[in-house]
Amino acid sequence: MGYQPKYLGHVNIFVRNVERSHQWYADVLGLHTYGFRPGQVAFLAADREQSHEVRWSRQVTTRRLRRVATSA
C-alpha cells in the first residue's frame, strides 16, 4: 500500500453494503476496526489511539423511510 492516512477526523458514511465497504477500507487504506455489526454498522480508524474516526452505516432506502413514517 502506497498511502495510509494518519488521522481522519470524524466521518459518517452511508453505504449499501457495510461488509464490502468495511473490507475495502481496511484492506486498501489499512484502517483498524473498532466495532462491526454485519449488515448494520462498522467503526474504523487510521489512528489506533482514536475510538473510531469513520462510521459506515447501512443506507436506508426511501421506500423503507416512507413505511416507517406512515406507521408512526
C-alpha atoms as a PDB file:
ATOM      1  CA  MET A   1       0.000   0.000   0.000  1.00  0.00           C
ATOM      2  CA  GLY A   2       1.397   3.388  -1.005  1.00  0.00           C
ATOM      3  CA  TYR A   3      -0.614   5.665   1.283  1.00  0.00           C
ATOM      4  CA  GLN A   4      -2.013   5.282   4.771  1.00  0.00           C
ATOM      5  CA  PRO A   5      -3.853   8.163   6.464  1.00  0.00           C
ATOM      6  CA  LYS A   6      -2.638   9.228   9.918  1.00  0.00           C
ATOM      7  CA  TYR A   7      -5.813  10.938  11.106  1.00  0.00           C
ATOM      8  CA  LEU A   8      -9.280  11.304   9.600  1.00  0.00           C
ATOM      9  CA  GLY A   9     -11.386  13.417  11.965  1.00  0.00           C
ATOM     10  CA  HIS A  10     -14.909  12.091  12.373  1.00  0.00           C
ATOM     11  CA  VAL A  11     -16.851  10.919   9.312  1.00  0.00           C
ATOM     12  CA  ASN A  12     -20.211   9.148   8.871  1.00  0.00           C
ATOM     13  CA  ILE A  13     -20.737   7.373   5.547  1.00  0.00           C
ATOM     14  CA  PHE A  14     -23.975   5.706   4.470  1.00  0.00           C
ATOM     15  CA  VAL A  15     -23.417   2.685   2.205  1.00  0.00           C
ATOM     16  CA  ARG A  16     -25.499  -0.087   0.671  1.00  0.00           C
ATOM     17  CA  ASN A  17     -23.139  -2.884   1.708  1.00  0.00           C
ATOM     18  CA  VAL A  18     -21.425  -2.416   5.078  1.00  0.00           C
ATOM     19  CA  GLU A  19     -19.372  -5.615   4.802  1.00  0.00           C
ATOM     20  CA  ARG A  20     -17.920  -4.754   1.390  1.00  0.00           C
ATOM     21  CA  SER A  21     -17.117  -1.155   2.369  1.00  0.00           C
ATOM     22  CA  HIS A  22     -15.561  -2.269   5.666  1.00  0.00           C
ATOM     23  CA  GLN A  23     -13.346  -4.805   3.911  1.00  0.00           C
ATOM     24  CA  TRP A  24     -12.241  -2.377   1.177  1.00  0.00           C
ATOM     25  CA  TYR A  25     -11.221   0.423   3.546  1.00  0.00           C
ATOM     26  CA  ALA A  26      -9.451  -1.998   5.873  1.00  0.00           C
ATOM     27  CA  ASP A  27      -7.549  -3.664   3.001  1.00  0.00           C
ATOM     28  CA  VAL A  28      -6.764  -0.624   0.834  1.00  0.00           C
ATOM     29  CA  LEU A  29      -6.185   2.105   3.454  1.00  0.00           C
ATOM     30  CA  GLY A  30      -5.191  -0.126   6.356  1.00  0.00           C
ATOM     31  CA  LEU A  31      -7.871   1.252   8.688  1.00  0.00           C
ATOM     32  CA  HIS A  32      -8.283  -0.555  12.013  1.00  0.00           C
ATOM     33  CA  THR A  33     -11.662  -1.965  13.055  1.00  0.00           C
ATOM     34  CA  TYR A  34     -13.080  -0.873  16.408  1.00  0.00           C
ATOM     35  CA  GLY A  35     -16.550  -2.300  16.039  1.00  0.00           C
ATOM     36  CA  PHE A  36     -18.509  -4.217  13.460  1.00  0.00           C
ATOM     37  CA  ARG A  37     -22.109  -5.406  13.265  1.00  0.00           C
ATOM     38  CA  PRO A  38     -22.618  -7.222   9.943  1.00  0.00           C
ATOM     39  CA  GLY A  39     -25.354  -5.631   7.840  1.00  0.00           C
ATOM     40  CA  GLN A  40     -25.615  -2.679  10.223  1.00  0.00           C
ATOM     41  CA  VAL A  41     -22.506  -0.638  11.003  1.00  0.00           C
ATOM     42  CA  ALA A  42     -18.692  -0.635  11.035  1.00  0.00           C
ATOM     43  CA  PHE A  43     -16.408   1.645  13.061  1.00  0.00           C
ATOM     44  CA  LEU A  44     -12.837   2.137  11.813  1.00  0.00           C
ATOM     45  CA  ALA A  45      -9.886   4.442  12.459  1.00  0.00           C
ATOM     46  CA  ALA A  46      -6.494   5.257  10.980  1.00  0.00           C
ATOM     47  CA  ASP A  47      -5.076   6.143  14.405  1.00  0.00           C
ATOM     48  CA  ARG A  48      -5.215   3.288  16.941  1.00  0.00           C
ATOM     49  CA  GLU A  49      -5.456   5.867  19.742  1.00  0.00           C
ATOM     50  CA  GLN A  50      -8.863   7.080  18.478  1.00  0.00           C
ATOM     51  CA  SER A  51     -12.005   5.137  19.392  1.00  0.00           C
ATOM     52  CA  HIS A  52     -13.277   5.482  15.834  1.00  0.00           C
ATOM     53  CA  GLU A  53     -12.904   8.112  13.175  1.00  0.00           C
ATOM     54  CA  VAL A  54     -15.118   6.697  10.446  1.00  0.00           C
ATOM     55  CA  ARG A  55     -18.513   5.043  10.708  1.00  0.00           C
ATOM     56  CA  TRP A  56     -20.121   3.136   7.851  1.00  0.00           C
ATOM     57  CA  SER A  57     -23.864   2.657   8.258  1.00  0.00           C
ATOM     58  CA  ARG A  58     -26.290   0.783   6.084  1.00  0.00           C
ATOM     59  CA  GLN A  59     -28.147   3.154   3.783  1.00  0.00           C
ATOM     60  CA  VAL A  60     -31.875   3.326   4.470  1.00  0.00           C
ATOM     61  CA  THR A  61     -33.890   3.355   1.262  1.00  0.00           C
ATOM     62  CA  THR A  62     -36.638   5.884   0.538  1.00  0.00           C
ATOM     63  CA  ARG A  63     -39.191   3.063   0.461  1.00  0.00           C
ATOM     64  CA  ARG A  64     -38.243   1.982   3.971  1.00  0.00           C
ATOM     65  CA  LEU A  65     -38.338   5.582   5.210  1.00  0.00           C
ATOM     66  CA  ARG A  66     -41.883   6.010   3.885  1.00  0.00           C
ATOM     67  CA  ARG A  67     -43.017   2.811   5.615  1.00  0.00           C
ATOM     68  CA  VAL A  68     -41.554   3.957   8.950  1.00  0.00           C
ATOM     69  CA  ALA A  69     -43.052   7.456   8.610  1.00  0.00           C
ATOM     70  CA  THR A  70     -46.543   6.163   7.854  1.00  0.00           C
ATOM     71  CA  SER A  71     -46.529   3.623  10.687  1.00  0.00           C
ATOM     72  CA  ALA A  72     -45.770   6.271  13.332  1.00  0.00           C
END
